[in-house]
C-alpha cells in the first residue's frame, strides 16, 4: 500500500520530539511470560544519549564503567546478570488507569 502526502513539506512521519536524532544506548525490555512459557515483550525503555539517568544505567548494565574492563567471559556475563537483577529489584511500578470523559470534566459549576 502506497502512502502519499498532499503537502510535500509535511514530514513523512512524526518525529520523537527532542529525542529525534539522539543515539540509542540500549533498551531495557519489559517482558511477561505467556501460557506456553515463552516471554513476550510488552514494552521497552529506550536509553538515549544526553539523558544522564539513561547514560548511567546503560554504562552500569553494559559493564562499561571504569574498572569493568577487567571482567571477561563468564565473569562478565555473571556480572551483567547480577546488575540487571539489582536494577530490577529497585524498580517501582505503578498503574494509572485512563480516566473516563466524565471523570476528566472540570468541576466549574
PDB file of N, CA and C in Angstrom:
ATOM      1  N   UNK A   1       0.838  -1.165   0.000  1.00  0.00           N
ATOM      2  CA  UNK A   1       0.000   0.000   0.000  1.00  0.00           C
ATOM      3  C   UNK A   1       0.885   1.229   0.000  1.00  0.00           C
ATOM      4  N   UNK A   2       0.659   2.128  -0.912  1.00  0.00           N
ATOM      5  CA  UNK A   2       1.466   3.338  -1.033  1.00  0.00           C
ATOM      6  C   UNK A   2       0.933   4.423  -0.109  1.00  0.00           C
ATOM      7  N   UNK A   3       1.850   5.214   0.408  1.00  0.00           N
ATOM      8  CA  UNK A   3       1.497   6.347   1.257  1.00  0.00           C
ATOM      9  C   UNK A   3       1.807   7.617   0.482  1.00  0.00           C
ATOM     10  N   UNK A   4       0.860   8.522   0.449  1.00  0.00           N
ATOM     11  CA  UNK A   4       1.099   9.774  -0.267  1.00  0.00           C
ATOM     12  C   UNK A   4       0.782  10.952   0.647  1.00  0.00           C
ATOM     13  N   UNK A   5       1.346  12.111   0.309  1.00  0.00           N
ATOM     14  CA  UNK A   5       1.128  13.340   1.069  1.00  0.00           C
ATOM     15  C   UNK A   5       0.600  14.396   0.122  1.00  0.00           C
ATOM     16  N   UNK A   6      -0.260  15.244   0.661  1.00  0.00           N
ATOM     17  CA  UNK A   6      -0.749  16.359  -0.145  1.00  0.00           C
ATOM     18  C   UNK A   6       0.256  17.498  -0.145  1.00  0.00           C
ATOM     19  N   UNK A   7       0.954  17.664   0.953  1.00  0.00           N
ATOM     20  CA  UNK A   7       1.910  18.760   1.096  1.00  0.00           C
ATOM     21  C   UNK A   7       3.316  18.171   1.160  1.00  0.00           C
ATOM     22  N   UNK A   8       4.142  18.493   0.205  1.00  0.00           N
ATOM     23  CA  UNK A   8       5.499  17.930   0.153  1.00  0.00           C
ATOM     24  C   UNK A   8       6.359  18.375   1.319  1.00  0.00           C
ATOM     25  N   UNK A   9       6.007  19.490   1.983  1.00  0.00           N
ATOM     26  CA  UNK A   9       6.821  19.964   3.107  1.00  0.00           C
ATOM     27  C   UNK A   9       6.475  19.265   4.411  1.00  0.00           C
ATOM     28  N   UNK A  10       5.374  18.526   4.456  1.00  0.00           N
ATOM     29  CA  UNK A  10       4.981  17.833   5.683  1.00  0.00           C
ATOM     30  C   UNK A  10       5.899  16.635   5.916  1.00  0.00           C
ATOM     31  N   UNK A  11       6.240  16.370   7.158  1.00  0.00           N
ATOM     32  CA  UNK A  11       7.110  15.221   7.433  1.00  0.00           C
ATOM     33  C   UNK A  11       6.401  13.915   7.128  1.00  0.00           C
ATOM     34  N   UNK A  12       7.151  12.931   6.690  1.00  0.00           N
ATOM     35  CA  UNK A  12       6.583  11.629   6.351  1.00  0.00           C
ATOM     36  C   UNK A  12       6.181  10.858   7.593  1.00  0.00           C
ATOM     37  N   UNK A  13       6.780  11.186   8.727  1.00  0.00           N
ATOM     38  CA  UNK A  13       6.432  10.513   9.977  1.00  0.00           C
ATOM     39  C   UNK A  13       6.583  11.505  11.117  1.00  0.00           C
ATOM     40  N   UNK A  14       5.992  11.180  12.220  1.00  0.00           N
ATOM     41  CA  UNK A  14       6.085  12.042  13.395  1.00  0.00           C
ATOM     42  C   UNK A  14       7.445  11.848  14.036  1.00  0.00           C
ATOM     43  N   UNK A  15       8.137  12.913  14.277  1.00  0.00           N
ATOM     44  CA  UNK A  15       9.429  12.839  14.937  1.00  0.00           C
ATOM     45  C   UNK A  15       9.225  12.688  16.428  1.00  0.00           C
ATOM     46  N   UNK A  16      10.217  12.166  17.105  1.00  0.00           N
ATOM     47  CA  UNK A  16      10.132  11.918  18.539  1.00  0.00           C
ATOM     48  C   UNK A  16      10.453  13.118  19.387  1.00  0.00           C
ATOM     49  N   UNK A  17      10.140  14.302  18.933  1.00  0.00           N
ATOM     50  CA  UNK A  17      10.391  15.497  19.729  1.00  0.00           C
ATOM     51  C   UNK A  17      11.867  15.729  19.942  1.00  0.00           C
ATOM     52  N   UNK A  18      12.250  16.004  21.190  1.00  0.00           N
ATOM     53  CA  UNK A  18      13.646  16.323  21.486  1.00  0.00           C
ATOM     54  C   UNK A  18      14.560  15.102  21.463  1.00  0.00           C
ATOM     55  N   UNK A  19      14.015  13.900  21.333  1.00  0.00           N
ATOM     56  CA  UNK A  19      14.862  12.707  21.284  1.00  0.00           C
ATOM     57  C   UNK A  19      15.254  12.343  19.856  1.00  0.00           C
ATOM     58  N   UNK A  20      14.678  13.009  18.876  1.00  0.00           N
ATOM     59  CA  UNK A  20      14.983  12.690  17.485  1.00  0.00           C
ATOM     60  C   UNK A  20      16.454  12.949  17.197  1.00  0.00           C
ATOM     61  N   UNK A  21      17.100  12.011  16.566  1.00  0.00           N
ATOM     62  CA  UNK A  21      18.487  12.171  16.183  1.00  0.00           C
ATOM     63  C   UNK A  21      19.486  11.851  17.280  1.00  0.00           C
ATOM     64  N   UNK A  22      19.010  11.502  18.478  1.00  0.00           N
ATOM     65  CA  UNK A  22      19.937  11.160  19.553  1.00  0.00           C
ATOM     66  C   UNK A  22      20.257   9.674  19.497  1.00  0.00           C
ATOM     67  N   UNK A  23      21.475   9.348  19.846  1.00  0.00           N
ATOM     68  CA  UNK A  23      21.953   7.977  19.786  1.00  0.00           C
ATOM     69  C   UNK A  23      21.252   7.117  20.837  1.00  0.00           C
ATOM     70  N   UNK A  24      20.817   5.936  20.427  1.00  0.00           N
ATOM     71  CA  UNK A  24      20.249   4.965  21.360  1.00  0.00           C
ATOM     72  C   UNK A  24      21.397   4.193  21.989  1.00  0.00           C
ATOM     73  N   UNK A  25      21.422   4.167  23.315  1.00  0.00           N
ATOM     74  CA  UNK A  25      22.482   3.480  24.045  1.00  0.00           C
ATOM     75  C   UNK A  25      22.120   2.033  24.362  1.00  0.00           C
ATOM     76  N   UNK A  26      20.846   1.722  24.317  1.00  0.00           N
ATOM     77  CA  UNK A  26      20.380   0.373  24.614  1.00  0.00           C
ATOM     78  C   UNK A  26      18.911   0.401  24.988  1.00  0.00           C
ATOM     79  N   UNK A  27      18.378  -0.783  25.287  1.00  0.00           N
ATOM     80  CA  UNK A  27      16.973  -0.911  25.654  1.00  0.00           C
ATOM     81  C   UNK A  27      16.848  -1.769  26.904  1.00  0.00           C
ATOM     82  N   UNK A  28      15.934  -1.396  27.779  1.00  0.00           N
ATOM     83  CA  UNK A  28      15.550  -2.240  28.898  1.00  0.00           C
ATOM     84  C   UNK A  28      14.176  -2.783  28.526  1.00  0.00           C
ATOM     85  N   UNK A  29      14.121  -4.058  28.141  1.00  0.00           N
ATOM     86  CA  UNK A  29      12.886  -4.663  27.659  1.00  0.00           C
ATOM     87  C   UNK A  29      12.033  -5.133  28.828  1.00  0.00           C
ATOM     88  N   UNK A  30      10.723  -4.908  28.715  1.00  0.00           N
ATOM     89  CA  UNK A  30       9.769  -5.354  29.718  1.00  0.00           C
ATOM     90  C   UNK A  30       9.006  -6.532  29.122  1.00  0.00           C
ATOM     91  N   UNK A  31       9.216  -7.717  29.676  1.00  0.00           N
ATOM     92  CA  UNK A  31       8.636  -8.944  29.148  1.00  0.00           C
ATOM     93  C   UNK A  31       7.738  -9.610  30.187  1.00  0.00           C
ATOM     94  N   UNK A  32       6.723 -10.303  29.717  1.00  0.00           N
ATOM     95  CA  UNK A  32       5.872 -11.127  30.566  1.00  0.00           C
ATOM     96  C   UNK A  32       5.808 -12.517  29.948  1.00  0.00           C
ATOM     97  N   UNK A  33       5.774 -13.564  30.803  1.00  0.00           N
ATOM     98  CA  UNK A  33       5.674 -14.914  30.255  1.00  0.00           C
ATOM     99  C   UNK A  33       4.273 -15.178  29.707  1.00  0.00           C
ATOM    100  N   UNK A  34       4.200 -16.018  28.706  1.00  0.00           N
ATOM    101  CA  UNK A  34       2.912 -16.420  28.137  1.00  0.00           C
ATOM    102  C   UNK A  34       2.544 -17.793  28.705  1.00  0.00           C
ATOM    103  N   UNK A  35       1.341 -18.249  28.384  1.00  0.00           N
ATOM    104  CA  UNK A  35       0.894 -19.562  28.852  1.00  0.00           C
ATOM    105  C   UNK A  35       1.806 -20.679  28.347  1.00  0.00           C
ATOM    106  N   UNK A  36       2.396 -20.485  27.173  1.00  0.00           N
ATOM    107  CA  UNK A  36       3.295 -21.504  26.620  1.00  0.00           C
ATOM    108  C   UNK A  36       4.691 -21.434  27.234  1.00  0.00           C
ATOM    109  N   UNK A  37       4.934 -20.398  28.059  1.00  0.00           N
ATOM    110  CA  UNK A  37       6.227 -20.270  28.717  1.00  0.00           C
ATOM    111  C   UNK A  37       7.207 -19.358  28.009  1.00  0.00           C
ATOM    112  N   UNK A  38       6.864 -18.933  26.797  1.00  0.00           N
ATOM    113  CA  UNK A  38       7.749 -18.027  26.069  1.00  0.00           C
ATOM    114  C   UNK A  38       7.430 -16.586  26.451  1.00  0.00           C
ATOM    115  N   UNK A  39       8.430 -15.804  26.784  1.00  0.00           N
ATOM    116  CA  UNK A  39       8.138 -14.411  27.146  1.00  0.00           C
ATOM    117  C   UNK A  39       7.733 -13.585  25.935  1.00  0.00           C
ATOM    118  N   UNK A  40       6.902 -12.593  26.192  1.00  0.00           N
ATOM    119  CA  UNK A  40       6.505 -11.664  25.151  1.00  0.00           C
ATOM    120  C   UNK A  40       6.844 -10.256  25.633  1.00  0.00           C
ATOM    121  N   UNK A  41       7.405  -9.470  24.746  1.00  0.00           N
ATOM    122  CA  UNK A  41       7.786  -8.107  25.102  1.00  0.00           C
ATOM    123  C   UNK A  41       6.531  -7.240  25.163  1.00  0.00           C
ATOM    124  N   UNK A  42       6.348  -6.586  26.291  1.00  0.00           N
ATOM    125  CA  UNK A  42       5.225  -5.685  26.482  1.00  0.00           C
ATOM    126  C   UNK A  42       5.606  -4.280  26.039  1.00  0.00           C
ATOM    127  N   UNK A  43       6.810  -3.883  26.370  1.00  0.00           N
ATOM    128  CA  UNK A  43       7.305  -2.562  26.004  1.00  0.00           C
ATOM    129  C   UNK A  43       8.802  -2.538  26.251  1.00  0.00           C
ATOM    130  N   UNK A  44       9.419  -1.409  25.980  1.00  0.00           N
ATOM    131  CA  UNK A  44      10.845  -1.254  26.212  1.00  0.00           C
ATOM    132  C   UNK A  44      11.125   0.181  26.623  1.00  0.00           C
ATOM    133  N   UNK A  45      12.124   0.352  27.458  1.00  0.00           N
ATOM    134  CA  UNK A  45      12.600   1.680  27.824  1.00  0.00           C
ATOM    135  C   UNK A  45      13.856   1.922  26.991  1.00  0.00           C
ATOM    136  N   UNK A  46      13.821   2.955  26.179  1.00  0.00           N
ATOM    137  CA  UNK A  46      14.954   3.287  25.315  1.00  0.00           C
ATOM    138  C   UNK A  46      15.897   4.200  26.083  1.00  0.00           C
ATOM    139  N   UNK A  47      17.139   3.787  26.237  1.00  0.00           N
ATOM    140  CA  UNK A  47      18.151   4.639  26.853  1.00  0.00           C
ATOM    141  C   UNK A  47      18.748   5.516  25.756  1.00  0.00           C
ATOM    142  N   UNK A  48      18.653   6.836  25.937  1.00  0.00           N
ATOM    143  CA  UNK A  48      19.131   7.749  24.904  1.00  0.00           C
ATOM    144  C   UNK A  48      20.277   8.611  25.408  1.00  0.00           C
ATOM    145  N   UNK A  49      21.148   8.924  24.482  1.00  0.00           N
ATOM    146  CA  UNK A  49      22.287   9.785  24.728  1.00  0.00           C
ATOM    147  C   UNK A  49      21.784  11.165  25.156  1.00  0.00           C
ATOM    148  N   UNK A  50      22.455  11.756  26.134  1.00  0.00           N
ATOM    149  CA  UNK A  50      22.091  13.085  26.591  1.00  0.00           C
ATOM    150  C   UNK A  50      21.216  13.074  27.834  1.00  0.00           C
ATOM    151  N   UNK A  51      20.624  11.932  28.171  1.00  0.00           N
ATOM    152  CA  UNK A  51      19.842  11.793  29.389  1.00  0.00           C
ATOM    153  C   UNK A  51      20.767  11.161  30.424  1.00  0.00           C
ATOM    154  N   UNK A  52      21.120  11.919  31.455  1.00  0.00           N
ATOM    155  CA  UNK A  52      22.124  11.442  32.416  1.00  0.00           C
ATOM    156  C   UNK A  52      21.713  10.142  33.106  1.00  0.00           C
ATOM    157  N   UNK A  53      20.437   9.996  33.417  1.00  0.00           N
ATOM    158  CA  UNK A  53      19.965   8.762  34.042  1.00  0.00           C
ATOM    159  C   UNK A  53      20.112   7.592  33.082  1.00  0.00           C
ATOM    160  N   UNK A  54      19.727   7.789  31.835  1.00  0.00           N
ATOM    161  CA  UNK A  54      19.848   6.730  30.824  1.00  0.00           C
ATOM    162  C   UNK A  54      21.309   6.357  30.606  1.00  0.00           C
ATOM    163  N   UNK A  55      22.167   7.360  30.526  1.00  0.00           N
ATOM    164  CA  UNK A  55      23.595   7.098  30.307  1.00  0.00           C
ATOM    165  C   UNK A  55      24.184   6.296  31.469  1.00  0.00           C
ATOM    166  N   UNK A  56      23.818   6.667  32.697  1.00  0.00           N
ATOM    167  CA  UNK A  56      24.326   5.964  33.874  1.00  0.00           C
ATOM    168  C   UNK A  56      23.857   4.504  33.875  1.00  0.00           C
ATOM    169  N   UNK A  57      22.584   4.284  33.585  1.00  0.00           N
ATOM    170  CA  UNK A  57      22.061   2.918  33.542  1.00  0.00           C
ATOM    171  C   UNK A  57      22.705   2.094  32.430  1.00  0.00           C
ATOM    172  N   UNK A  58      22.877   2.684  31.256  1.00  0.00           N
ATOM    173  CA  UNK A  58      23.478   1.957  30.128  1.00  0.00           C
ATOM    174  C   UNK A  58      24.907   1.536  30.453  1.00  0.00           C
ATOM    175  N   UNK A  59      25.672   2.425  31.051  1.00  0.00           N
ATOM    176  CA  UNK A  59      27.047   2.081  31.427  1.00  0.00           C
ATOM    177  C   UNK A  59      27.072   0.991  32.493  1.00  0.00           C
ATOM    178  N   UNK A  60      26.187   1.104  33.474  1.00  0.00           N
ATOM    179  CA  UNK A  60      26.148   0.131  34.568  1.00  0.00           C
ATOM    180  C   UNK A  60      25.721  -1.245  34.067  1.00  0.00           C
ATOM    181  N   UNK A  61      24.608  -1.293  33.346  1.00  0.00           N
ATOM    182  CA  UNK A  61      24.098  -2.578  32.879  1.00  0.00           C
ATOM    183  C   UNK A  61      24.983  -3.216  31.819  1.00  0.00           C
ATOM    184  N   UNK A  62      25.669  -2.396  31.023  1.00  0.00           N
ATOM    185  CA  UNK A  62      26.563  -2.907  29.987  1.00  0.00           C
ATOM    186  C   UNK A  62      27.966  -3.199  30.475  1.00  0.00           C
ATOM    187  N   UNK A  63      28.202  -3.031  31.782  1.00  0.00           N
ATOM    188  CA  UNK A  63      29.526  -3.248  32.384  1.00  0.00           C
ATOM    189  C   UNK A  63      30.594  -2.456  31.635  1.00  0.00           C
ATOM    190  N   UNK A  64      30.325  -1.156  31.468  1.00  0.00           N
ATOM    191  CA  UNK A  64      31.246  -0.291  30.745  1.00  0.00           C
ATOM    192  C   UNK A  64      31.760   0.849  31.612  1.00  0.00           C
ATOM    193  N   UNK A  65      31.641   0.709  32.921  1.00  0.00           N
ATOM    194  CA  UNK A  65      32.164   1.744  33.807  1.00  0.00           C
ATOM    195  C   UNK A  65      33.653   1.505  34.044  1.00  0.00           C
ATOM    196  N   UNK A  66      34.362   2.525  34.511  1.00  0.00           N
ATOM    197  CA  UNK A  66      35.789   2.337  34.805  1.00  0.00           C
ATOM    198  C   UNK A  66      35.995   1.162  35.772  1.00  0.00           C
ATOM    199  N   UNK A  67      36.924   0.299  35.442  1.00  0.00           N
ATOM    200  CA  UNK A  67      37.206  -0.887  36.233  1.00  0.00           C
ATOM    201  C   UNK A  67      36.530  -2.137  35.703  1.00  0.00           C
ATOM    202  N   UNK A  68      35.485  -1.973  34.882  1.00  0.00           N
ATOM    203  CA  UNK A  68      34.766  -3.120  34.332  1.00  0.00           C
ATOM    204  C   UNK A  68      35.547  -3.822  33.218  1.00  0.00           C
ATOM    205  N   UNK A  69      36.562  -3.160  32.664  1.00  0.00           N
ATOM    206  CA  UNK A  69      37.308  -3.763  31.554  1.00  0.00           C
ATOM    207  C   UNK A  69      38.039  -5.030  31.975  1.00  0.00           C
ATOM    208  N   UNK A  70      38.240  -5.233  33.281  1.00  0.00           N
ATOM    209  CA  UNK A  70      38.917  -6.447  33.752  1.00  0.00           C
ATOM    210  C   UNK A  70      38.001  -7.673  33.713  1.00  0.00           C
ATOM    211  N   UNK A  71      36.678  -7.448  33.594  1.00  0.00           N
ATOM    212  CA  UNK A  71      35.734  -8.560  33.525  1.00  0.00           C
ATOM    213  C   UNK A  71      35.782  -9.198  32.136  1.00  0.00           C
ATOM    214  N   UNK A  72      35.858 -10.522  32.097  1.00  0.00           N
ATOM    215  CA  UNK A  72      35.946 -11.260  30.832  1.00  0.00           C
ATOM    216  C   UNK A  72      35.078 -12.509  30.894  1.00  0.00           C
ATOM    217  N   UNK A  73      34.603 -12.964  29.759  1.00  0.00           N
ATOM    218  CA  UNK A  73      33.922 -14.243  29.620  1.00  0.00           C
ATOM    219  C   UNK A  73      32.783 -14.466  30.588  1.00  0.00           C
ATOM    220  N   UNK A  74      32.842 -15.604  31.313  1.00  0.00           N
ATOM    221  CA  UNK A  74      31.776 -15.986  32.245  1.00  0.00           C
ATOM    222  C   UNK A  74      31.623 -14.984  33.374  1.00  0.00           C
ATOM    223  N   UNK A  75      32.727 -14.401  33.803  1.00  0.00           N
ATOM    224  CA  UNK A  75      32.681 -13.414  34.884  1.00  0.00           C
ATOM    225  C   UNK A  75      31.910 -12.164  34.433  1.00  0.00           C
ATOM    226  N   UNK A  76      32.131 -11.745  33.201  1.00  0.00           N
ATOM    227  CA  UNK A  76      31.421 -10.599  32.642  1.00  0.00           C
ATOM    228  C   UNK A  76      29.928 -10.905  32.518  1.00  0.00           C
ATOM    229  N   UNK A  77      29.599 -12.083  32.000  1.00  0.00           N
ATOM    230  CA  UNK A  77      28.194 -12.475  31.848  1.00  0.00           C
ATOM    231  C   UNK A  77      27.497 -12.536  33.202  1.00  0.00           C
ATOM    232  N   UNK A  78      28.167 -13.092  34.212  1.00  0.00           N
ATOM    233  CA  UNK A  78      27.585 -13.191  35.555  1.00  0.00           C
ATOM    234  C   UNK A  78      27.378 -11.803  36.165  1.00  0.00           C
ATOM    235  N   UNK A  79      28.299 -10.897  35.929  1.00  0.00           N
ATOM    236  CA  UNK A  79      28.173  -9.543  36.459  1.00  0.00           C
ATOM    237  C   UNK A  79      27.021  -8.795  35.809  1.00  0.00           C
ATOM    238  N   UNK A  80      26.818  -8.991  34.508  1.00  0.00           N
ATOM    239  CA  UNK A  80      25.690  -8.364  33.814  1.00  0.00           C
ATOM    240  C   UNK A  80      24.365  -8.865  34.385  1.00  0.00           C
ATOM    241  N   UNK A  81      24.280 -10.170  34.650  1.00  0.00           N
ATOM    242  CA  UNK A  81      23.071 -10.753  35.237  1.00  0.00           C
ATOM    243  C   UNK A  81      22.851 -10.200  36.643  1.00  0.00           C
ATOM    244  N   UNK A  82      23.917 -10.106  37.432  1.00  0.00           N
ATOM    245  CA  UNK A  82      23.812  -9.585  38.790  1.00  0.00           C
ATOM    246  C   UNK A  82      23.311  -8.145  38.778  1.00  0.00           C
ATOM    247  N   UNK A  83      23.875  -7.321  37.892  1.00  0.00           N
ATOM    248  CA  UNK A  83      23.488  -5.915  37.816  1.00  0.00           C
ATOM    249  C   UNK A  83      22.048  -5.756  37.342  1.00  0.00           C
ATOM    250  N   UNK A  84      21.634  -6.562  36.383  1.00  0.00           N
ATOM    251  CA  UNK A  84      20.249  -6.496  35.927  1.00  0.00           C
ATOM    252  C   UNK A  84      19.309  -6.837  37.071  1.00  0.00           C
ATOM    253  N   UNK A  85      19.646  -7.866  37.828  1.00  0.00           N
ATOM    254  CA  UNK A  85      18.828  -8.244  38.983  1.00  0.00           C
ATOM    255  C   UNK A  85      18.749  -7.135  40.014  1.00  0.00           C
ATOM    256  N   UNK A  86      19.853  -6.451  40.227  1.00  0.00           N
ATOM    257  CA  UNK A  86      19.880  -5.347  41.178  1.00  0.00           C
ATOM    258  C   UNK A  86      18.977  -4.201  40.721  1.00  0.00           C
ATOM    259  N   UNK A  87      19.073  -3.845  39.451  1.00  0.00           N
ATOM    260  CA  UNK A  87      18.243  -2.754  38.916  1.00  0.00           C
ATOM    261  C   UNK A  87      16.770  -3.146  38.952  1.00  0.00           C
ATOM    262  N   UNK A  88      16.443  -4.359  38.522  1.00  0.00           N
ATOM    263  CA  UNK A  88      15.058  -4.818  38.506  1.00  0.00           C
ATOM    264  C   UNK A  88      14.481  -4.832  39.927  1.00  0.00           C
ATOM    265  N   UNK A  89      15.278  -5.239  40.910  1.00  0.00           N
ATOM    266  CA  UNK A  89      14.807  -5.276  42.296  1.00  0.00           C
ATOM    267  C   UNK A  89      14.486  -3.874  42.822  1.00  0.00           C
ATOM    268  N   UNK A  90      15.105  -2.853  42.256  1.00  0.00           N
ATOM    269  CA  UNK A  90      14.881  -1.485  42.715  1.00  0.00           C
ATOM    270  C   UNK A  90      13.779  -0.752  41.951  1.00  0.00           C
ATOM    271  N   UNK A  91      13.290  -1.349  40.864  1.00  0.00           N
ATOM    272  CA  UNK A  91      12.243  -0.700  40.084  1.00  0.00           C
ATOM    273  C   UNK A  91      10.954  -0.618  40.899  1.00  0.00           C
ATOM    274  N   UNK A  92      10.259   0.487  40.738  1.00  0.00           N
ATOM    275  CA  UNK A  92       8.962   0.680  41.382  1.00  0.00           C
ATOM    276  C   UNK A  92       7.926   0.852  40.286  1.00  0.00           C
ATOM    277  N   UNK A  93       6.878   0.064  40.354  1.00  0.00           N
ATOM    278  CA  UNK A  93       5.843   0.089  39.328  1.00  0.00           C
ATOM    279  C   UNK A  93       4.578   0.735  39.878  1.00  0.00           C
ATOM    280  N   UNK A  94       3.865   1.392  38.999  1.00  0.00           N
ATOM    281  CA  UNK A  94       2.560   1.940  39.354  1.00  0.00           C
ATOM    282  C   UNK A  94       1.658   1.825  38.135  1.00  0.00           C
ATOM    283  N   UNK A  95       0.368   1.916  38.390  1.00  0.00           N
ATOM    284  CA  UNK A  95      -0.606   1.820  37.309  1.00  0.00           C
ATOM    285  C   UNK A  95      -1.555   2.994  37.436  1.00  0.00           C
ATOM    286  N   UNK A  96      -1.719   3.721  36.357  1.00  0.00           N
ATOM    287  CA  UNK A  96      -2.654   4.831  36.308  1.00  0.00           C
ATOM    288  C   UNK A  96      -3.710   4.509  35.270  1.00  0.00           C
ATOM    289  N   UNK A  97      -4.923   4.150  35.721  1.00  0.00           N
ATOM    290  CA  UNK A  97      -5.965   3.848  34.735  1.00  0.00           C
ATOM    291  C   UNK A  97      -6.392   5.105  33.989  1.00  0.00           C
ATOM    292  N   UNK A  98      -6.865   4.913  32.785  1.00  0.00           N
ATOM    293  CA  UNK A  98      -7.344   6.026  31.966  1.00  0.00           C
ATOM    294  C   UNK A  98      -8.638   6.535  32.572  1.00  0.00           C
ATOM    295  N   UNK A  99      -8.768   7.844  32.632  1.00  0.00           N
ATOM    296  CA  UNK A  99      -9.999   8.444  33.150  1.00  0.00           C
ATOM    297  C   UNK A  99     -11.063   8.456  32.061  1.00  0.00           C
ATOM    298  N   UNK A 100     -12.304   8.305  32.487  1.00  0.00           N
ATOM    299  CA  UNK A 100     -13.399   8.424  31.532  1.00  0.00           C
ATOM    300  C   UNK A 100     -13.595   9.900  31.222  1.00  0.00           C
ATOM    301  N   UNK A 101     -14.336  10.196  30.171  1.00  0.00           N
ATOM    302  CA  UNK A 101     -14.612  11.592  29.821  1.00  0.00           C
ATOM    303  C   UNK A 101     -15.286  12.317  30.976  1.00  0.00           C
ATOM    304  N   UNK A 102     -16.203  11.635  31.652  1.00  0.00           N
ATOM    305  CA  UNK A 102     -16.922  12.264  32.764  1.00  0.00           C
ATOM    306  C   UNK A 102     -15.961  12.577  33.909  1.00  0.00           C
ATOM    307  N   UNK A 103     -15.048  11.677  34.214  1.00  0.00           N
ATOM    308  CA  UNK A 103     -14.079  11.910  35.290  1.00  0.00           C
ATOM    309  C   UNK A 103     -13.108  13.027  34.958  1.00  0.00           C
ATOM    310  N   UNK A 104     -12.881  13.271  33.680  1.00  0.00           N
ATOM    311  CA  UNK A 104     -11.926  14.297  33.255  1.00  0.00           C
ATOM    312  C   UNK A 104     -12.529  15.681  33.187  1.00  0.00           C
ATOM    313  N   UNK A 105     -13.848  15.776  33.285  1.00  0.00           N
ATOM    314  CA  UNK A 105     -14.510  17.088  33.198  1.00  0.00           C
ATOM    315  C   UNK A 105     -14.156  17.937  34.419  1.00  0.00           C
ATOM    316  N   UNK A 106     -13.859  19.195  34.188  1.00  0.00           N
ATOM    317  CA  UNK A 106     -13.553  20.111  35.283  1.00  0.00           C
ATOM    318  C   UNK A 106     -14.825  20.445  36.046  1.00  0.00           C
ATOM    319  N   UNK A 107     -14.705  20.589  37.346  1.00  0.00           N
ATOM    320  CA  UNK A 107     -15.842  20.928  38.185  1.00  0.00           C
ATOM    321  C   UNK A 107     -15.920  22.445  38.294  1.00  0.00           C
ATOM    322  N   UNK A 108     -16.544  23.078  37.313  1.00  0.00           N
ATOM    323  CA  UNK A 108     -16.597  24.541  37.245  1.00  0.00           C
ATOM    324  C   UNK A 108     -17.992  25.082  37.532  1.00  0.00           C
ATOM    325  N   UNK A 109     -18.857  24.310  38.139  1.00  0.00           N
ATOM    326  CA  UNK A 109     -20.231  24.751  38.411  1.00  0.00           C
ATOM    327  C   UNK A 109     -20.256  25.657  39.622  1.00  0.00           C
TER     328      UNK A 109
END
